Protein backbone atom coordinates (compact mmCIF):
# COMPACT_ATOMS: atom_id res chain seq x y z
CA MET A 1 0.26 0.06 0.19
CA ILE A 2 1.33 3.60 -0.99
CA THR A 3 -0.56 6.49 1.45
CA LEU A 4 -0.05 9.71 -0.35
CA ASN A 5 0.25 12.31 2.08
CA VAL A 6 -2.04 15.56 2.40
CA GLU A 7 -2.87 18.01 4.44
CA GLU A 8 -5.16 18.33 7.21
CA ASN A 9 -7.07 20.76 5.98
CA ASN A 10 -7.83 18.92 2.64
CA PRO A 11 -11.20 17.89 2.20
CA ILE A 12 -11.72 13.67 2.40
CA THR A 13 -14.11 13.20 -0.38
CA PRO A 14 -13.92 11.24 -3.36
CA ASN A 15 -13.77 14.21 -6.15
CA PHE A 16 -10.27 15.38 -3.95
CA TYR A 17 -9.14 12.19 -4.39
CA ASN A 18 -10.17 11.32 -7.75
CA ASN A 19 -8.33 14.85 -8.46
CA LEU A 20 -5.45 13.69 -6.39
CA ILE A 21 -4.83 10.10 -8.55
CA ILE A 22 -5.63 11.84 -12.03
CA ASN A 23 -2.64 14.91 -10.88
CA LEU A 24 0.09 12.33 -9.56
CA GLN A 25 3.14 11.84 -11.13
CA MET A 26 3.13 7.53 -11.03
CA HIS A 27 6.68 7.38 -11.68
CA ARG A 28 7.63 9.29 -8.64
CA LEU A 29 6.10 6.78 -6.60
CA THR A 30 8.54 4.03 -5.10
CA CYS A 31 7.39 0.60 -4.66
CA THR A 32 8.39 -1.53 -1.34
CA CYS A 33 10.72 -3.37 -3.63
CA GLN A 34 12.35 -0.10 -4.05
CA HIS A 35 12.03 0.66 -7.77
CA SER A 36 10.41 3.56 -8.54
CA GLY A 37 9.18 4.79 -12.29
CA CYS A 38 7.95 0.80 -12.18
CA LEU A 39 3.91 1.28 -11.30
CA SER A 40 1.26 1.32 -13.73
CA ILE A 41 -2.48 1.34 -12.88
CA HIS A 42 -4.10 -1.78 -12.18
CA GLY A 43 -7.54 -1.51 -11.53
CA TYR A 44 -10.09 0.08 -8.63
CA TYR A 45 -11.75 -0.75 -5.72
CA ASN A 46 -15.20 0.75 -3.51
CA ARG A 47 -14.29 1.68 -0.66
CA ASN A 48 -17.03 3.42 2.37
CA VAL A 49 -15.25 6.30 4.85
CA LYS A 50 -17.43 7.52 7.60
CA LEU A 51 -17.67 11.24 7.04
CA SER A 52 -19.72 13.97 8.78
CA ASP A 53 -22.59 13.83 5.82
CA GLY A 54 -22.54 10.05 6.14
CA LYS A 55 -20.69 7.54 4.11
CA ASP A 56 -18.97 8.29 1.29
CA VAL A 57 -17.76 5.83 -1.44
CA PHE A 58 -14.21 6.20 -2.79
CA ARG A 59 -13.09 4.80 -6.06
CA ILE A 60 -9.53 3.64 -4.34
CA CYS A 61 -6.83 3.47 -7.34
CA ARG A 62 -4.92 0.39 -7.28
CA VAL A 63 -1.39 0.50 -8.97
CA ILE A 64 1.37 -2.88 -10.22
CA CYS A 65 4.67 -2.71 -10.17
CA SER A 66 6.50 -3.98 -13.28
CA CYS A 67 9.45 -5.39 -11.44
CA CYS A 68 8.41 -7.57 -8.84
CA GLY A 69 4.86 -8.11 -9.53
CA CYS A 70 3.34 -6.41 -5.84
CA THR A 71 0.44 -4.18 -6.28
CA HIS A 72 -0.47 -1.51 -3.72
CA ALA A 73 -3.90 0.72 -3.48
CA LEU A 74 -3.49 4.47 -3.05
CA LEU A 75 -4.78 6.24 -0.11
CA LEU A 76 -4.84 9.20 1.29
CA SER A 77 -3.27 9.90 4.56
CA SER A 78 -5.97 11.40 6.05
CA MET A 79 -7.59 7.69 5.53
CA VAL A 80 -6.54 4.52 7.87
CA PRO A 81 -6.11 1.30 6.00
CA TYR A 82 -8.67 -1.32 6.85
CA SER A 83 -10.86 0.79 8.65
CA GLN A 84 -14.11 3.34 7.47
CA ILE A 85 -12.97 5.41 9.89
CA SER A 86 -10.86 8.79 8.98
CA LEU A 87 -7.68 9.24 10.87
CA LYS A 88 -9.07 12.71 12.28
CA ASP A 89 -12.23 11.00 13.60
CA GLN A 90 -9.88 8.20 15.16
CA THR A 91 -7.48 10.41 16.83
CA ALA A 92 -10.61 12.80 18.31
CA ILE A 93 -12.21 9.75 19.90
CA LEU A 94 -8.78 9.12 21.47
CA THR A 95 -7.77 12.33 22.50
CA ALA A 96 -10.89 11.91 24.28
CA TYR A 97 -10.16 8.62 25.71
CA GLU A 98 -6.76 9.68 26.69
CA GLU A 99 -8.54 13.18 28.53
CA GLY A 100 -11.09 10.95 30.37
CA ARG A 101 -13.83 12.47 28.58
CA LEU A 102 -16.68 10.98 26.45
CA ALA A 103 -16.57 10.74 22.28
CA VAL A 104 -19.49 12.31 22.16
CA GLU A 105 -18.81 15.07 20.31
CA VAL A 106 -17.55 12.54 17.45
CA MET A 107 -20.72 10.91 17.42
CA GLU A 108 -22.35 14.21 17.18
CA HIS A 109 -20.10 15.25 14.14
CA THR A 110 -20.03 11.94 12.34
CA PRO A 111 -23.60 10.69 12.75
CA SER A 112 -22.47 7.10 10.94
CA ILE A 113 -19.88 6.56 13.99
CA ASP A 114 -22.00 4.63 16.58
CA GLU A 115 -20.58 3.46 20.11
CA SER A 116 -19.69 0.37 18.67
CA ASN A 117 -17.28 2.32 16.38
CA LEU A 118 -15.90 4.37 19.52
CA HIS A 119 -15.52 1.02 21.56
CA TYR A 120 -13.24 -0.45 18.80
CA VAL A 121 -10.96 2.40 17.63
CA ILE A 122 -10.58 2.67 21.94
CA SER A 123 -9.81 -1.40 21.64
CA SER A 124 -7.71 -0.83 19.31
CA TYR A 125 -5.30 1.62 20.42
CA ARG A 126 -4.96 0.03 23.83
CA LYS A 127 -4.09 -3.00 22.20
CA HIS A 128 -1.64 -2.18 18.83
CA TRP A 129 -0.82 1.45 19.18
CA LYS A 130 -0.90 2.57 22.80
CA GLN A 131 3.02 1.20 24.11
CA ARG A 132 4.56 2.07 20.51
CA LEU A 133 3.50 6.20 20.86
CA LEU A 134 4.36 6.19 24.51
CA ALA A 135 7.87 4.13 23.30
CA PHE A 136 8.83 7.07 21.04
CA GLY A 137 7.05 10.04 22.52
CA ILE A 138 4.48 10.41 19.91
CA LYS A 139 1.59 12.32 21.19
CA LEU A 140 -1.67 12.70 19.19
CA SER A 141 -1.21 15.55 17.24
CA LYS A 142 -0.81 16.85 13.89
CA LYS A 143 2.96 14.96 13.01
CA LEU A 144 1.43 12.14 14.19
CA SER A 145 1.00 10.15 10.65
CA THR A 146 4.31 11.48 9.99
CA SER A 147 5.93 9.91 13.14
CA CYS A 148 4.15 6.78 12.94
CA PHE A 149 5.42 5.66 9.40
CA LEU A 150 9.37 7.41 10.32
CA PHE A 151 9.18 5.01 13.26
CA TYR A 152 6.59 1.83 12.43
CA HIS A 153 6.77 2.02 8.95
CA ARG A 154 2.63 2.19 8.72
CA GLN A 155 -0.38 4.49 9.11
CA PHE A 156 -1.44 5.34 13.13
CA MET A 157 -4.24 2.68 13.76
CA GLN A 158 -3.20 0.56 10.85
CA ILE A 159 -3.55 -3.15 12.52
CA LYS A 160 -2.54 -5.07 10.04
CA ASN A 161 0.94 -5.24 9.00
CA THR A 162 1.13 -4.78 5.52
CA PRO A 163 4.25 -2.62 3.96
CA ASN A 164 3.27 0.54 3.83
CA ILE A 165 5.00 3.94 2.20
CA LEU A 166 4.20 6.97 2.50
CA PHE A 167 4.61 9.41 -0.43
CA LEU A 168 4.65 13.11 0.56
CA ASN A 169 5.39 15.22 -2.53
CA THR A 170 1.74 14.53 -3.81
CA THR A 171 1.93 17.66 -6.08
């Protein structure tokens, strides 16, 4: 998987994602086999993301490496792999949890997130990420995603240990 770094103030919308993919310079992407310029579009799949105005369906682009044959999904850094809940909402849930507050405001802002989602996010954090963040002194802040890629080579709250590369220069 390849995560495309985007600014936090960019909207998470299918149109934003589609425009980013159209304007992306594919020859600059690097595969997990460390080769550059060898990725080409292989196909698409649909993915739901829970947003403030309900669920949006994204048409996620997949690329294939001509050197090693691996395929990768291209995701935004504001998305968490294998999750329908955005990085921003997961961080808000966990900030409220760490401060001893209820995460009701997240459910009010994003009605498609329910109590079951809150419990799952908190449980996954406690099981997979809390100690990792403490080990390197990483805070639930704006640099969270970049720090997790630096130390763990995966997106914050990415549970599966699938290889993931952060592509910083999306413009």
